């Protein structure tokens, strides 16, 4: 999608602090972190959100969980734990219409907040 912020970031058109990249995903530090560690993982394929997934996207959805695991390991969060959040839709707080996961860690977290 031409005007998508996360598409532009994953293509390197907008600067970011890259944490991980492979053929299908790009992970970068959130510019407004809500935890000591706050990284976004986005698929390079534009998918608006979880509600927009199709049967053809099942493979990328599964691969995304594995990419999240890799990023958590890179960030050394896999030992003490981390939270993964997908916001889907405006009322859930999704501000960029490109499916993405927030990896949050580096502190003790309460439920349901961070």
N, C-alpha and C. Protein backbone atom coordinates (compact mmCIF):
# COMPACT_ATOMS: atom_id res chain seq x y z
N UNK A 1 0.85 -1.18 0.00
CA UNK A 1 0.00 0.00 0.00
C UNK A 1 0.89 1.24 0.00
N UNK A 2 0.60 2.17 -0.86
CA UNK A 2 1.45 3.34 -1.08
C UNK A 2 1.66 4.23 0.14
N UNK A 3 0.60 4.56 0.85
CA UNK A 3 0.69 5.53 1.94
C UNK A 3 0.84 4.89 3.32
N UNK A 4 1.09 3.62 3.40
CA UNK A 4 1.16 2.93 4.68
C UNK A 4 2.50 3.21 5.37
N UNK A 5 2.42 3.74 6.58
CA UNK A 5 3.62 4.05 7.36
C UNK A 5 4.50 2.82 7.56
N UNK A 6 3.91 1.70 7.95
CA UNK A 6 4.72 0.51 8.23
C UNK A 6 5.27 -0.12 6.96
N UNK A 7 4.59 -0.01 5.85
CA UNK A 7 5.15 -0.47 4.57
C UNK A 7 6.40 0.34 4.25
N UNK A 8 6.32 1.65 4.44
CA UNK A 8 7.46 2.52 4.15
C UNK A 8 8.62 2.24 5.09
N UNK A 9 8.33 1.99 6.37
CA UNK A 9 9.40 1.67 7.32
C UNK A 9 10.06 0.35 6.94
N UNK A 10 9.27 -0.67 6.62
CA UNK A 10 9.86 -1.97 6.29
C UNK A 10 10.66 -1.94 4.99
N UNK A 11 10.38 -0.99 4.11
CA UNK A 11 11.14 -0.83 2.86
C UNK A 11 12.35 0.07 3.04
N UNK A 12 12.51 0.65 4.23
CA UNK A 12 13.63 1.55 4.48
C UNK A 12 13.41 2.97 3.99
N UNK A 13 12.19 3.30 3.60
CA UNK A 13 11.88 4.64 3.11
C UNK A 13 11.74 5.65 4.25
N UNK A 14 11.43 5.16 5.44
CA UNK A 14 11.34 5.98 6.65
C UNK A 14 12.29 5.35 7.65
N UNK A 15 13.15 6.16 8.28
CA UNK A 15 14.12 5.58 9.22
C UNK A 15 13.46 4.96 10.45
N UNK A 16 14.11 3.92 10.95
CA UNK A 16 13.67 3.25 12.17
C UNK A 16 14.89 2.59 12.80
N UNK A 17 14.71 2.13 14.02
CA UNK A 17 15.77 1.37 14.68
C UNK A 17 15.45 -0.10 14.51
N UNK A 18 16.06 -0.70 13.49
CA UNK A 18 15.78 -2.09 13.15
C UNK A 18 16.33 -3.03 14.21
N UNK A 19 15.52 -4.03 14.55
CA UNK A 19 15.90 -5.07 15.49
C UNK A 19 16.08 -6.40 14.77
N UNK A 20 15.27 -6.63 13.72
CA UNK A 20 15.28 -7.91 13.02
C UNK A 20 14.66 -7.71 11.64
N UNK A 21 15.14 -8.51 10.68
CA UNK A 21 14.54 -8.51 9.36
C UNK A 21 14.81 -9.85 8.70
N UNK A 22 13.78 -10.36 8.02
CA UNK A 22 13.96 -11.51 7.15
C UNK A 22 13.15 -11.24 5.87
N UNK A 23 12.93 -12.25 5.07
CA UNK A 23 12.22 -12.05 3.80
C UNK A 23 10.78 -11.59 3.99
N UNK A 24 10.16 -11.98 5.12
CA UNK A 24 8.74 -11.73 5.32
C UNK A 24 8.40 -10.68 6.38
N UNK A 25 9.34 -10.39 7.29
CA UNK A 25 9.03 -9.54 8.44
C UNK A 25 10.10 -8.51 8.71
N UNK A 26 9.67 -7.45 9.38
CA UNK A 26 10.58 -6.38 9.80
C UNK A 26 10.21 -6.02 11.22
N UNK A 27 11.18 -5.93 12.11
CA UNK A 27 10.93 -5.57 13.50
C UNK A 27 11.77 -4.34 13.85
N UNK A 28 11.15 -3.40 14.56
CA UNK A 28 11.82 -2.15 14.90
C UNK A 28 11.29 -1.62 16.22
N UNK A 29 12.10 -0.76 16.85
CA UNK A 29 11.72 -0.18 18.14
C UNK A 29 10.57 0.81 17.95
N UNK A 30 9.62 0.75 18.86
CA UNK A 30 8.49 1.68 18.86
C UNK A 30 9.00 3.07 19.26
N UNK A 31 8.52 4.10 18.59
CA UNK A 31 8.98 5.46 18.90
C UNK A 31 8.31 6.03 20.15
N UNK A 32 7.23 5.39 20.61
CA UNK A 32 6.54 5.80 21.84
C UNK A 32 6.41 4.60 22.75
N UNK A 33 7.51 4.12 23.32
CA UNK A 33 7.46 2.88 24.10
C UNK A 33 6.62 3.00 25.36
N UNK A 34 5.92 1.91 25.70
CA UNK A 34 5.13 1.85 26.93
C UNK A 34 5.76 0.87 27.92
N UNK A 35 6.90 0.33 27.58
CA UNK A 35 7.65 -0.58 28.44
C UNK A 35 9.13 -0.36 28.13
N UNK A 36 10.03 -0.81 29.02
CA UNK A 36 11.46 -0.64 28.75
C UNK A 36 11.89 -1.24 27.41
N UNK A 37 11.27 -2.35 27.03
CA UNK A 37 11.48 -2.93 25.71
C UNK A 37 10.13 -2.90 25.00
N UNK A 38 10.07 -2.26 23.84
CA UNK A 38 8.83 -2.17 23.06
C UNK A 38 9.21 -2.18 21.58
N UNK A 39 8.98 -3.30 20.95
CA UNK A 39 9.34 -3.51 19.55
C UNK A 39 8.10 -3.92 18.77
N UNK A 40 8.00 -3.44 17.55
CA UNK A 40 6.91 -3.82 16.65
C UNK A 40 7.43 -4.81 15.62
N UNK A 41 6.62 -5.82 15.35
CA UNK A 41 6.93 -6.80 14.30
C UNK A 41 5.83 -6.67 13.25
N UNK A 42 6.22 -6.38 12.01
CA UNK A 42 5.25 -6.19 10.93
C UNK A 42 5.57 -7.13 9.77
N UNK A 43 4.53 -7.69 9.15
CA UNK A 43 4.79 -8.43 7.92
C UNK A 43 5.09 -7.44 6.80
N UNK A 44 5.96 -7.84 5.88
CA UNK A 44 6.26 -6.96 4.74
C UNK A 44 5.08 -6.91 3.78
N UNK A 45 4.28 -7.96 3.77
CA UNK A 45 3.05 -7.94 2.97
C UNK A 45 2.04 -7.07 3.71
N UNK A 46 1.40 -6.17 3.01
CA UNK A 46 0.41 -5.31 3.66
C UNK A 46 -0.86 -6.11 3.94
N UNK A 47 -1.16 -6.23 5.21
CA UNK A 47 -2.42 -6.80 5.69
C UNK A 47 -2.90 -5.80 6.74
N UNK A 48 -4.11 -5.31 6.64
CA UNK A 48 -4.58 -4.24 7.52
C UNK A 48 -4.57 -4.65 8.99
N UNK A 49 -5.07 -5.82 9.31
CA UNK A 49 -5.12 -6.30 10.69
C UNK A 49 -5.57 -7.76 10.71
N UNK A 50 -5.68 -8.33 11.89
CA UNK A 50 -6.06 -9.73 12.01
C UNK A 50 -7.42 -9.98 11.36
N UNK A 51 -8.35 -9.04 11.49
CA UNK A 51 -9.68 -9.20 10.90
C UNK A 51 -9.63 -9.27 9.38
N UNK A 52 -8.55 -8.81 8.78
CA UNK A 52 -8.40 -8.80 7.32
C UNK A 52 -7.68 -10.03 6.79
N UNK A 53 -7.23 -10.92 7.68
CA UNK A 53 -6.54 -12.13 7.21
C UNK A 53 -7.46 -12.99 6.37
N UNK A 54 -6.89 -13.62 5.36
CA UNK A 54 -7.62 -14.57 4.53
C UNK A 54 -7.00 -15.95 4.72
N UNK A 55 -7.63 -16.96 4.17
CA UNK A 55 -7.07 -18.31 4.25
C UNK A 55 -5.68 -18.36 3.62
N UNK A 56 -5.46 -17.56 2.60
CA UNK A 56 -4.16 -17.51 1.93
C UNK A 56 -3.08 -16.91 2.83
N UNK A 57 -3.47 -16.18 3.86
CA UNK A 57 -2.53 -15.55 4.78
C UNK A 57 -2.17 -16.44 5.97
N UNK A 58 -2.73 -17.64 6.04
CA UNK A 58 -2.49 -18.51 7.20
C UNK A 58 -1.00 -18.79 7.40
N UNK A 59 -0.28 -19.00 6.32
CA UNK A 59 1.15 -19.28 6.42
C UNK A 59 1.90 -18.09 7.02
N UNK A 60 1.60 -16.90 6.57
CA UNK A 60 2.30 -15.72 7.08
C UNK A 60 1.93 -15.47 8.54
N UNK A 61 0.70 -15.76 8.93
CA UNK A 61 0.29 -15.58 10.32
C UNK A 61 1.10 -16.50 11.24
N UNK A 62 1.27 -17.74 10.83
CA UNK A 62 2.07 -18.68 11.61
C UNK A 62 3.54 -18.28 11.65
N UNK A 63 4.06 -17.87 10.51
CA UNK A 63 5.45 -17.42 10.46
C UNK A 63 5.67 -16.18 11.33
N UNK A 64 4.64 -15.37 11.47
CA UNK A 64 4.77 -14.16 12.28
C UNK A 64 5.02 -14.53 13.75
N UNK A 65 4.33 -15.54 14.23
CA UNK A 65 4.56 -15.97 15.61
C UNK A 65 6.00 -16.45 15.79
N UNK A 66 6.52 -17.14 14.81
CA UNK A 66 7.90 -17.60 14.90
C UNK A 66 8.88 -16.41 14.84
N UNK A 67 8.57 -15.40 14.01
CA UNK A 67 9.41 -14.20 13.95
C UNK A 67 9.38 -13.47 15.29
N UNK A 68 8.22 -13.42 15.94
CA UNK A 68 8.10 -12.80 17.26
C UNK A 68 9.00 -13.54 18.25
N UNK A 69 8.99 -14.86 18.19
CA UNK A 69 9.85 -15.66 19.07
C UNK A 69 11.32 -15.31 18.84
N UNK A 70 11.73 -15.20 17.58
CA UNK A 70 13.11 -14.86 17.26
C UNK A 70 13.49 -13.48 17.81
N UNK A 71 12.60 -12.51 17.64
CA UNK A 71 12.87 -11.15 18.12
C UNK A 71 12.97 -11.15 19.64
N UNK A 72 12.09 -11.86 20.32
CA UNK A 72 12.15 -11.93 21.78
C UNK A 72 13.49 -12.52 22.23
N UNK A 73 13.98 -13.50 21.50
CA UNK A 73 15.28 -14.10 21.84
C UNK A 73 16.40 -13.08 21.61
N UNK A 74 16.37 -12.37 20.49
CA UNK A 74 17.38 -11.34 20.20
C UNK A 74 17.41 -10.29 21.32
N UNK A 75 16.23 -9.95 21.83
CA UNK A 75 16.11 -8.93 22.87
C UNK A 75 16.36 -9.49 24.27
N UNK A 76 16.65 -10.78 24.34
CA UNK A 76 16.92 -11.47 25.61
C UNK A 76 15.70 -11.43 26.54
N UNK A 77 14.52 -11.49 25.96
CA UNK A 77 13.29 -11.49 26.74
C UNK A 77 12.77 -12.90 27.01
N UNK A 78 13.31 -13.88 26.31
CA UNK A 78 12.76 -15.23 26.40
C UNK A 78 12.99 -15.89 27.75
N UNK A 79 13.91 -15.40 28.54
CA UNK A 79 14.18 -16.00 29.86
C UNK A 79 13.16 -15.56 30.90
N UNK A 80 12.85 -14.25 30.96
CA UNK A 80 11.97 -13.71 31.99
C UNK A 80 10.53 -13.51 31.54
N UNK A 81 10.29 -13.56 30.25
CA UNK A 81 8.93 -13.40 29.74
C UNK A 81 8.71 -12.07 29.04
N UNK A 82 7.67 -12.05 28.25
CA UNK A 82 7.32 -10.87 27.47
C UNK A 82 5.85 -10.96 27.11
N UNK A 83 5.30 -9.85 26.70
CA UNK A 83 3.90 -9.80 26.29
C UNK A 83 3.86 -9.48 24.80
N UNK A 84 2.91 -10.11 24.10
CA UNK A 84 2.68 -9.84 22.68
C UNK A 84 1.25 -9.32 22.55
N UNK A 85 1.11 -8.16 21.90
CA UNK A 85 -0.20 -7.53 21.76
C UNK A 85 -0.47 -7.25 20.29
N UNK A 86 -1.65 -7.66 19.84
CA UNK A 86 -2.15 -7.30 18.51
C UNK A 86 -3.39 -6.43 18.75
N UNK A 87 -3.37 -5.18 18.33
CA UNK A 87 -4.57 -4.34 18.37
C UNK A 87 -5.24 -4.46 17.01
N UNK A 88 -6.54 -4.74 17.03
CA UNK A 88 -7.27 -4.94 15.78
C UNK A 88 -8.46 -4.01 15.73
N UNK A 89 -8.34 -2.96 14.95
CA UNK A 89 -9.41 -1.99 14.79
C UNK A 89 -9.23 -0.77 15.68
N UNK A 90 -9.94 0.28 15.31
CA UNK A 90 -9.81 1.57 15.97
C UNK A 90 -10.16 1.51 17.46
N UNK A 91 -11.25 0.83 17.83
CA UNK A 91 -11.65 0.78 19.23
C UNK A 91 -10.67 -0.01 20.09
N UNK A 92 -9.86 -0.83 19.47
CA UNK A 92 -8.83 -1.58 20.20
C UNK A 92 -7.53 -0.80 20.31
N UNK A 93 -7.47 0.36 19.66
CA UNK A 93 -6.28 1.18 19.72
C UNK A 93 -5.35 1.05 18.54
N UNK A 94 -5.79 0.39 17.47
CA UNK A 94 -4.93 0.27 16.29
C UNK A 94 -4.90 1.61 15.57
N UNK A 95 -3.72 2.24 15.54
CA UNK A 95 -3.60 3.55 14.91
C UNK A 95 -2.98 3.49 13.51
N UNK A 96 -2.29 2.39 13.19
CA UNK A 96 -1.74 2.20 11.85
C UNK A 96 -2.40 0.95 11.27
N UNK A 97 -3.09 1.10 10.16
CA UNK A 97 -3.80 -0.03 9.56
C UNK A 97 -2.86 -0.93 8.76
N UNK A 98 -1.96 -1.54 9.47
CA UNK A 98 -1.04 -2.55 8.95
C UNK A 98 -0.84 -3.51 10.12
N UNK A 99 -1.20 -4.76 9.94
CA UNK A 99 -1.10 -5.73 11.02
C UNK A 99 0.29 -5.68 11.64
N UNK A 100 0.33 -5.63 12.97
CA UNK A 100 1.61 -5.60 13.66
C UNK A 100 1.43 -6.13 15.08
N UNK A 101 2.50 -6.67 15.60
CA UNK A 101 2.52 -7.15 16.98
C UNK A 101 3.45 -6.27 17.78
N UNK A 102 3.02 -5.94 18.98
CA UNK A 102 3.86 -5.23 19.94
C UNK A 102 4.50 -6.29 20.84
N UNK A 103 5.81 -6.28 20.94
CA UNK A 103 6.51 -7.10 21.92
C UNK A 103 6.91 -6.18 23.06
N UNK A 104 6.41 -6.48 24.25
CA UNK A 104 6.65 -5.65 25.42
C UNK A 104 7.38 -6.46 26.47
N UNK A 105 8.39 -5.87 27.09
CA UNK A 105 9.12 -6.59 28.12
C UNK A 105 10.05 -5.69 28.89
N UNK A 106 10.86 -6.33 29.72
CA UNK A 106 11.83 -5.58 30.50
C UNK A 106 11.32 -5.08 31.83
N UNK A 107 10.10 -5.50 32.21
CA UNK A 107 9.56 -5.12 33.50
C UNK A 107 8.45 -6.10 33.88
N UNK A 108 8.11 -6.09 35.14
CA UNK A 108 6.97 -6.87 35.64
C UNK A 108 5.70 -6.21 35.12
N UNK A 109 4.78 -7.00 34.59
CA UNK A 109 3.56 -6.43 34.04
C UNK A 109 2.33 -6.93 34.78
N UNK A 110 1.36 -6.04 34.91
CA UNK A 110 0.08 -6.40 35.51
C UNK A 110 -0.88 -6.78 34.40
N UNK A 111 -1.97 -7.38 34.76
CA UNK A 111 -3.01 -7.70 33.78
C UNK A 111 -4.25 -6.93 34.17
N UNK A 112 -4.91 -6.23 33.27
CA UNK A 112 -4.72 -6.26 31.83
C UNK A 112 -3.79 -5.18 31.31
N UNK A 113 -3.31 -4.29 32.12
CA UNK A 113 -2.46 -3.20 31.64
C UNK A 113 -1.00 -3.60 31.48
N UNK A 114 -0.17 -2.63 31.11
CA UNK A 114 1.27 -2.89 30.98
C UNK A 114 2.05 -2.29 32.08
